Amino acid sequence: MGRVDFGGVVKDACLAAVPGIAVGDYAIVHVGFAIARLDEDAALATLRTLAQIGFRAAGRDAAGGCDDPRSGAAPA
């Protein structure tokens, strides 16, 4: 098990299906289970795409942090 940050909302997730995942890695989590690890470029590209289609995460617009969601930096 591990703690996963979803844009500021921290939840527990089962990491058993993603061996070798570490602090700072990006993962796809579905219903409390990490199902895949993503490299940073793929994760940030996915977050940008979600922001473009208007996806809202953690009660806020995902576009507010899609360049680096860990820092909360907004895209330029």
N, C-alpha and C. Protein backbone atom coordinates (compact mmCIF):
# COMPACT_ATOMS: atom_id res chain seq x y z
N MET A 1 0.84 -1.19 0.00
CA MET A 1 0.00 0.00 0.00
C MET A 1 0.88 1.24 0.00
N GLY A 2 0.35 2.30 -0.54
CA GLY A 2 1.06 3.57 -0.56
C GLY A 2 0.08 4.72 -0.55
N ARG A 3 0.60 5.91 -0.27
CA ARG A 3 -0.22 7.11 -0.29
C ARG A 3 0.01 7.79 -1.63
N VAL A 4 -1.09 8.13 -2.30
CA VAL A 4 -1.03 8.70 -3.64
C VAL A 4 -1.67 10.09 -3.60
N ASP A 5 -1.00 11.05 -4.22
CA ASP A 5 -1.49 12.43 -4.27
C ASP A 5 -2.20 12.66 -5.59
N PHE A 6 -3.51 12.91 -5.52
CA PHE A 6 -4.33 13.20 -6.69
C PHE A 6 -4.57 14.70 -6.74
N GLY A 7 -3.59 15.46 -7.14
CA GLY A 7 -3.74 16.91 -7.24
C GLY A 7 -4.10 17.56 -5.92
N GLY A 8 -3.52 17.09 -4.84
CA GLY A 8 -3.76 17.66 -3.53
C GLY A 8 -4.64 16.81 -2.63
N VAL A 9 -5.33 15.85 -3.18
CA VAL A 9 -6.12 14.90 -2.40
C VAL A 9 -5.28 13.64 -2.24
N VAL A 10 -4.94 13.30 -0.99
CA VAL A 10 -4.08 12.15 -0.73
C VAL A 10 -4.94 10.98 -0.29
N LYS A 11 -4.75 9.84 -0.96
CA LYS A 11 -5.51 8.62 -0.67
C LYS A 11 -4.56 7.44 -0.63
N ASP A 12 -4.99 6.37 0.01
CA ASP A 12 -4.24 5.12 -0.01
C ASP A 12 -4.57 4.37 -1.29
N ALA A 13 -3.56 3.68 -1.84
CA ALA A 13 -3.76 2.87 -3.04
C ALA A 13 -2.91 1.61 -2.92
N CYS A 14 -3.43 0.54 -3.45
CA CYS A 14 -2.69 -0.73 -3.50
C CYS A 14 -1.67 -0.63 -4.64
N LEU A 15 -0.41 -0.91 -4.33
CA LEU A 15 0.67 -0.79 -5.31
C LEU A 15 1.19 -2.15 -5.76
N ALA A 16 0.54 -3.23 -5.35
CA ALA A 16 1.03 -4.59 -5.61
C ALA A 16 1.20 -4.91 -7.10
N ALA A 17 0.37 -4.33 -7.96
CA ALA A 17 0.43 -4.64 -9.39
C ALA A 17 1.51 -3.85 -10.12
N VAL A 18 2.20 -2.94 -9.41
CA VAL A 18 3.21 -2.09 -10.04
C VAL A 18 4.52 -2.22 -9.23
N PRO A 19 5.20 -3.36 -9.36
CA PRO A 19 6.43 -3.55 -8.60
C PRO A 19 7.48 -2.52 -8.96
N GLY A 20 8.23 -2.08 -7.98
CA GLY A 20 9.29 -1.13 -8.22
C GLY A 20 8.86 0.32 -8.25
N ILE A 21 7.59 0.60 -8.06
CA ILE A 21 7.13 1.99 -8.04
C ILE A 21 7.71 2.66 -6.79
N ALA A 22 8.08 3.93 -6.93
CA ALA A 22 8.76 4.64 -5.84
C ALA A 22 8.16 6.02 -5.65
N VAL A 23 8.51 6.64 -4.54
CA VAL A 23 8.08 8.01 -4.26
C VAL A 23 8.50 8.90 -5.42
N GLY A 24 7.57 9.71 -5.90
CA GLY A 24 7.83 10.63 -7.01
C GLY A 24 7.43 10.08 -8.37
N ASP A 25 7.15 8.77 -8.45
CA ASP A 25 6.71 8.18 -9.72
C ASP A 25 5.25 8.56 -9.99
N TYR A 26 4.86 8.49 -11.23
CA TYR A 26 3.47 8.72 -11.64
C TYR A 26 2.83 7.37 -11.91
N ALA A 27 1.55 7.25 -11.57
CA ALA A 27 0.83 5.99 -11.79
C ALA A 27 -0.58 6.26 -12.24
N ILE A 28 -1.12 5.29 -12.96
CA ILE A 28 -2.55 5.29 -13.25
C ILE A 28 -3.19 4.49 -12.13
N VAL A 29 -4.16 5.10 -11.44
CA VAL A 29 -4.83 4.45 -10.32
C VAL A 29 -6.31 4.34 -10.66
N HIS A 30 -6.84 3.14 -10.48
CA HIS A 30 -8.27 2.90 -10.75
C HIS A 30 -8.86 2.21 -9.54
N VAL A 31 -9.91 2.77 -9.01
CA VAL A 31 -10.63 2.28 -7.82
C VAL A 31 -9.68 1.80 -6.72
N GLY A 32 -8.66 2.61 -6.44
CA GLY A 32 -7.77 2.31 -5.32
C GLY A 32 -6.61 1.39 -5.63
N PHE A 33 -6.43 1.01 -6.90
CA PHE A 33 -5.34 0.12 -7.29
C PHE A 33 -4.48 0.80 -8.36
N ALA A 34 -3.18 0.90 -8.11
CA ALA A 34 -2.26 1.38 -9.13
C ALA A 34 -2.16 0.28 -10.18
N ILE A 35 -2.43 0.62 -11.44
CA ILE A 35 -2.44 -0.41 -12.49
C ILE A 35 -1.32 -0.22 -13.50
N ALA A 36 -0.64 0.93 -13.48
CA ALA A 36 0.47 1.15 -14.40
C ALA A 36 1.31 2.31 -13.88
N ARG A 37 2.61 2.23 -14.14
CA ARG A 37 3.51 3.34 -13.83
C ARG A 37 3.79 4.06 -15.14
N LEU A 38 3.81 5.40 -15.09
CA LEU A 38 4.09 6.22 -16.27
C LEU A 38 5.38 6.98 -16.07
N ASP A 39 6.14 7.18 -17.15
CA ASP A 39 7.28 8.08 -17.02
C ASP A 39 6.74 9.51 -16.96
N GLU A 40 7.57 10.41 -16.51
CA GLU A 40 7.11 11.78 -16.29
C GLU A 40 6.57 12.44 -17.55
N ASP A 41 7.24 12.24 -18.69
CA ASP A 41 6.77 12.86 -19.94
C ASP A 41 5.37 12.37 -20.30
N ALA A 42 5.14 11.07 -20.20
CA ALA A 42 3.82 10.51 -20.52
C ALA A 42 2.76 11.02 -19.55
N ALA A 43 3.12 11.10 -18.27
CA ALA A 43 2.16 11.56 -17.27
C ALA A 43 1.77 13.01 -17.52
N LEU A 44 2.75 13.86 -17.77
CA LEU A 44 2.44 15.27 -17.99
C LEU A 44 1.68 15.48 -19.29
N ALA A 45 1.99 14.71 -20.31
CA ALA A 45 1.23 14.80 -21.57
C ALA A 45 -0.22 14.39 -21.34
N THR A 46 -0.44 13.35 -20.55
CA THR A 46 -1.80 12.91 -20.23
C THR A 46 -2.55 13.99 -19.45
N LEU A 47 -1.89 14.60 -18.48
CA LEU A 47 -2.54 15.66 -17.70
C LEU A 47 -2.88 16.86 -18.57
N ARG A 48 -2.01 17.20 -19.53
CA ARG A 48 -2.32 18.31 -20.44
C ARG A 48 -3.54 17.97 -21.30
N THR A 49 -3.60 16.74 -21.79
CA THR A 49 -4.75 16.32 -22.61
C THR A 49 -6.04 16.37 -21.80
N LEU A 50 -5.99 15.87 -20.57
CA LEU A 50 -7.17 15.92 -19.71
C LEU A 50 -7.61 17.37 -19.46
N ALA A 51 -6.65 18.26 -19.26
CA ALA A 51 -6.98 19.67 -19.05
C ALA A 51 -7.65 20.26 -20.29
N GLN A 52 -7.17 19.88 -21.47
CA GLN A 52 -7.73 20.40 -22.72
C GLN A 52 -9.18 19.98 -22.92
N ILE A 53 -9.55 18.82 -22.41
CA ILE A 53 -10.94 18.38 -22.57
C ILE A 53 -11.80 18.77 -21.39
N GLY A 54 -11.22 19.55 -20.46
CA GLY A 54 -12.01 20.09 -19.37
C GLY A 54 -12.13 19.19 -18.16
N PHE A 55 -11.27 18.19 -18.05
CA PHE A 55 -11.30 17.29 -16.90
C PHE A 55 -11.03 18.07 -15.62
N ARG A 56 -11.81 17.78 -14.58
CA ARG A 56 -11.63 18.44 -13.30
C ARG A 56 -11.19 17.38 -12.29
N ALA A 57 -10.12 17.68 -11.56
CA ALA A 57 -9.58 16.75 -10.57
C ALA A 57 -9.51 17.43 -9.21
N ALA A 58 -9.79 16.69 -8.18
CA ALA A 58 -9.67 17.18 -6.80
C ALA A 58 -10.43 18.48 -6.59
N GLY A 59 -11.57 18.63 -7.28
CA GLY A 59 -12.41 19.80 -7.08
C GLY A 59 -11.87 21.08 -7.71
N ARG A 60 -10.85 20.96 -8.56
CA ARG A 60 -10.33 22.15 -9.23
C ARG A 60 -10.00 21.81 -10.66
N ASP A 61 -9.84 22.81 -11.48
CA ASP A 61 -9.53 22.61 -12.89
C ASP A 61 -8.13 22.02 -13.02
N ALA A 62 -8.00 20.90 -13.69
CA ALA A 62 -6.71 20.23 -13.85
C ALA A 62 -5.72 21.11 -14.61
N ALA A 63 -6.19 22.08 -15.37
CA ALA A 63 -5.28 22.94 -16.13
C ALA A 63 -4.40 23.77 -15.20
N GLY A 64 -4.80 23.96 -13.96
CA GLY A 64 -4.02 24.76 -13.03
C GLY A 64 -2.69 24.16 -12.67
N GLY A 65 -2.47 22.90 -12.93
CA GLY A 65 -1.20 22.32 -12.55
C GLY A 65 -0.69 21.28 -13.51
N CYS A 66 -1.09 21.33 -14.75
CA CYS A 66 -0.75 20.22 -15.63
C CYS A 66 0.69 20.23 -16.09
N ASP A 67 1.41 21.34 -16.02
CA ASP A 67 2.81 21.29 -16.40
C ASP A 67 3.64 20.56 -15.35
N ASP A 68 3.35 20.75 -14.10
CA ASP A 68 3.99 20.00 -13.02
C ASP A 68 3.04 19.98 -11.84
N PRO A 69 2.16 18.96 -11.78
CA PRO A 69 1.14 18.95 -10.75
C PRO A 69 1.69 18.87 -9.34
N ARG A 70 2.94 18.43 -9.20
CA ARG A 70 3.52 18.36 -7.85
C ARG A 70 3.80 19.75 -7.31
N SER A 71 4.12 20.71 -8.19
CA SER A 71 4.46 22.05 -7.71
C SER A 71 3.28 23.00 -7.79
N GLY A 72 2.22 22.62 -8.51
CA GLY A 72 1.08 23.50 -8.69
C GLY A 72 1.33 24.59 -9.71
N ALA A 73 2.44 24.46 -10.48
CA ALA A 73 2.78 25.49 -11.47
C ALA A 73 1.77 25.48 -12.61
N ALA A 74 1.34 26.65 -12.98
CA ALA A 74 0.38 26.76 -14.08
C ALA A 74 1.13 26.78 -15.41
N PRO A 75 0.48 26.29 -16.46
CA PRO A 75 1.13 26.34 -17.79
C PRO A 75 1.32 27.78 -18.23
N ALA A 76 2.35 28.00 -19.03
CA ALA A 76 2.65 29.35 -19.51
C ALA A 76 1.75 29.73 -20.66
